[in-house]
Amino acid sequence: MVFPRIAALAEAAWSNDAVKDFRHFDRRMEKMTDLYRKSGIAFFDYRNPGVSPEIMGPEK
């Protein structure tokens, strides 16, 4: 799933190494996951994986 990976990628790419802090990022992600839900965006909830499991591709 693209979400929330895209947010993590943006955080890693655009934040200065000196200010990167996973705890701060994780707190901001609480608001982002609320936004994803309200917008109907399918996302993987890494804090509660059973609630929104990763979407699997077609079987081969």
N, C-alpha and C. Protein backbone atom coordinates (compact mmCIF):
# COMPACT_ATOMS: atom_id res chain seq x y z
N MET A 1 0.84 -1.19 0.00
CA MET A 1 0.00 0.00 0.00
C MET A 1 0.88 1.25 0.00
N VAL A 2 0.40 2.22 -0.67
CA VAL A 2 1.15 3.48 -0.77
C VAL A 2 1.08 4.27 0.54
N PHE A 3 -0.08 4.21 1.19
CA PHE A 3 -0.26 4.96 2.44
C PHE A 3 -0.10 4.02 3.62
N PRO A 4 0.64 4.32 4.61
CA PRO A 4 1.32 5.57 4.94
C PRO A 4 2.77 5.62 4.47
N ARG A 5 3.18 4.69 3.61
CA ARG A 5 4.58 4.66 3.18
C ARG A 5 5.01 5.97 2.53
N ILE A 6 4.12 6.58 1.77
CA ILE A 6 4.47 7.83 1.09
C ILE A 6 4.77 8.94 2.10
N ALA A 7 4.04 8.94 3.22
CA ALA A 7 4.30 9.93 4.28
C ALA A 7 5.66 9.67 4.93
N ALA A 8 5.98 8.41 5.14
CA ALA A 8 7.28 8.07 5.73
C ALA A 8 8.42 8.42 4.78
N LEU A 9 8.22 8.18 3.51
CA LEU A 9 9.24 8.53 2.52
C LEU A 9 9.47 10.03 2.48
N ALA A 10 8.38 10.78 2.49
CA ALA A 10 8.51 12.24 2.49
C ALA A 10 9.24 12.72 3.73
N GLU A 11 8.91 12.15 4.86
CA GLU A 11 9.58 12.51 6.12
C GLU A 11 11.08 12.25 6.03
N ALA A 12 11.43 11.07 5.53
CA ALA A 12 12.84 10.70 5.43
C ALA A 12 13.59 11.57 4.41
N ALA A 13 12.93 11.87 3.31
CA ALA A 13 13.60 12.61 2.24
C ALA A 13 13.76 14.09 2.53
N TRP A 14 12.76 14.70 3.17
CA TRP A 14 12.76 16.14 3.31
C TRP A 14 13.17 16.65 4.67
N SER A 15 13.33 15.75 5.64
CA SER A 15 13.73 16.20 6.98
C SER A 15 15.24 16.11 7.13
N ASN A 16 15.79 17.12 7.73
CA ASN A 16 17.21 17.13 8.04
C ASN A 16 17.51 16.01 9.03
N ASP A 17 18.61 15.31 8.85
CA ASP A 17 18.95 14.19 9.73
C ASP A 17 18.95 14.59 11.20
N ALA A 18 19.32 15.80 11.50
CA ALA A 18 19.43 16.24 12.89
C ALA A 18 18.07 16.34 13.58
N VAL A 19 16.99 16.46 12.81
CA VAL A 19 15.67 16.62 13.43
C VAL A 19 14.75 15.41 13.24
N LYS A 20 15.25 14.37 12.60
CA LYS A 20 14.41 13.18 12.41
C LYS A 20 14.16 12.52 13.75
N ASP A 21 12.89 12.23 14.02
CA ASP A 21 12.51 11.62 15.29
C ASP A 21 11.25 10.80 15.05
N PHE A 22 11.36 9.48 15.17
CA PHE A 22 10.22 8.62 14.88
C PHE A 22 9.04 8.90 15.79
N ARG A 23 9.29 9.21 17.05
CA ARG A 23 8.17 9.48 17.98
C ARG A 23 7.34 10.66 17.51
N HIS A 24 8.01 11.71 17.04
CA HIS A 24 7.28 12.88 16.53
C HIS A 24 6.51 12.52 15.26
N PHE A 25 7.17 11.78 14.39
CA PHE A 25 6.53 11.34 13.16
C PHE A 25 5.30 10.48 13.49
N ASP A 26 5.44 9.57 14.43
CA ASP A 26 4.34 8.68 14.81
C ASP A 26 3.15 9.48 15.34
N ARG A 27 3.40 10.52 16.11
CA ARG A 27 2.30 11.37 16.61
C ARG A 27 1.60 12.08 15.46
N ARG A 28 2.37 12.57 14.50
CA ARG A 28 1.76 13.24 13.34
C ARG A 28 0.96 12.25 12.50
N MET A 29 1.41 11.00 12.47
CA MET A 29 0.70 9.99 11.69
C MET A 29 -0.69 9.70 12.26
N GLU A 30 -0.90 9.92 13.55
CA GLU A 30 -2.24 9.75 14.11
C GLU A 30 -3.23 10.65 13.37
N LYS A 31 -2.84 11.90 13.14
CA LYS A 31 -3.72 12.83 12.41
C LYS A 31 -3.86 12.40 10.95
N MET A 32 -2.78 11.91 10.38
CA MET A 32 -2.83 11.49 8.97
C MET A 32 -3.74 10.28 8.80
N THR A 33 -3.67 9.31 9.72
CA THR A 33 -4.54 8.14 9.57
C THR A 33 -6.01 8.53 9.73
N ASP A 34 -6.29 9.51 10.59
CA ASP A 34 -7.66 10.02 10.68
C ASP A 34 -8.10 10.62 9.34
N LEU A 35 -7.20 11.38 8.73
CA LEU A 35 -7.49 11.99 7.43
C LEU A 35 -7.69 10.91 6.36
N TYR A 36 -6.85 9.88 6.37
CA TYR A 36 -7.00 8.79 5.40
C TYR A 36 -8.39 8.16 5.55
N ARG A 37 -8.80 7.89 6.81
CA ARG A 37 -10.11 7.27 7.05
C ARG A 37 -11.24 8.18 6.55
N LYS A 38 -11.20 9.45 6.90
CA LYS A 38 -12.25 10.40 6.51
C LYS A 38 -12.33 10.55 5.00
N SER A 39 -11.18 10.40 4.33
CA SER A 39 -11.13 10.57 2.88
C SER A 39 -11.41 9.27 2.13
N GLY A 40 -11.56 8.18 2.85
CA GLY A 40 -11.82 6.90 2.21
C GLY A 40 -10.59 6.29 1.55
N ILE A 41 -9.41 6.67 2.02
CA ILE A 41 -8.16 6.16 1.45
C ILE A 41 -7.82 4.84 2.13
N ALA A 42 -7.59 3.81 1.32
CA ALA A 42 -7.16 2.52 1.86
C ALA A 42 -5.71 2.65 2.30
N PHE A 43 -5.43 2.27 3.52
CA PHE A 43 -4.07 2.39 4.03
C PHE A 43 -3.79 1.26 5.00
N PHE A 44 -2.51 1.00 5.23
CA PHE A 44 -2.09 0.00 6.20
C PHE A 44 -1.86 0.70 7.53
N ASP A 45 -2.60 0.29 8.54
CA ASP A 45 -2.44 0.87 9.87
C ASP A 45 -1.38 0.07 10.61
N TYR A 46 -0.15 0.57 10.59
CA TYR A 46 0.96 -0.17 11.19
C TYR A 46 0.83 -0.31 12.70
N ARG A 47 0.00 0.52 13.33
CA ARG A 47 -0.22 0.39 14.77
C ARG A 47 -1.26 -0.67 15.09
N ASN A 48 -2.19 -0.89 14.18
CA ASN A 48 -3.27 -1.87 14.34
C ASN A 48 -3.42 -2.67 13.05
N PRO A 49 -2.47 -3.55 12.76
CA PRO A 49 -2.49 -4.24 11.46
C PRO A 49 -3.74 -5.08 11.20
N GLY A 50 -4.42 -5.57 12.25
CA GLY A 50 -5.62 -6.35 12.04
C GLY A 50 -6.81 -5.52 11.60
N VAL A 51 -6.77 -4.22 11.88
CA VAL A 51 -7.88 -3.33 11.52
C VAL A 51 -7.89 -3.03 10.03
N SER A 52 -6.75 -2.79 9.48
CA SER A 52 -6.66 -2.50 8.04
C SER A 52 -5.49 -3.30 7.46
N PRO A 53 -5.72 -4.59 7.23
CA PRO A 53 -4.62 -5.43 6.74
C PRO A 53 -4.13 -5.00 5.37
N GLU A 54 -2.91 -5.35 5.09
CA GLU A 54 -2.30 -5.04 3.80
C GLU A 54 -3.12 -5.70 2.70
N ILE A 55 -3.40 -4.96 1.65
CA ILE A 55 -4.15 -5.50 0.52
C ILE A 55 -3.19 -6.36 -0.30
N MET A 56 -3.61 -7.57 -0.54
CA MET A 56 -2.76 -8.49 -1.30
C MET A 56 -3.10 -8.39 -2.78
N GLY A 57 -2.12 -8.62 -3.63
CA GLY A 57 -2.34 -8.60 -5.06
C GLY A 57 -3.01 -9.89 -5.52
N PRO A 58 -3.23 -10.02 -6.81
CA PRO A 58 -3.87 -11.22 -7.32
C PRO A 58 -2.99 -12.46 -7.12
N GLU A 59 -3.64 -13.58 -6.93
CA GLU A 59 -2.89 -14.84 -6.80
C GLU A 59 -2.30 -15.21 -8.14
N LYS A 60 -1.15 -15.83 -8.10
CA LYS A 60 -0.48 -16.26 -9.34
C LYS A 60 -0.52 -17.75 -9.46
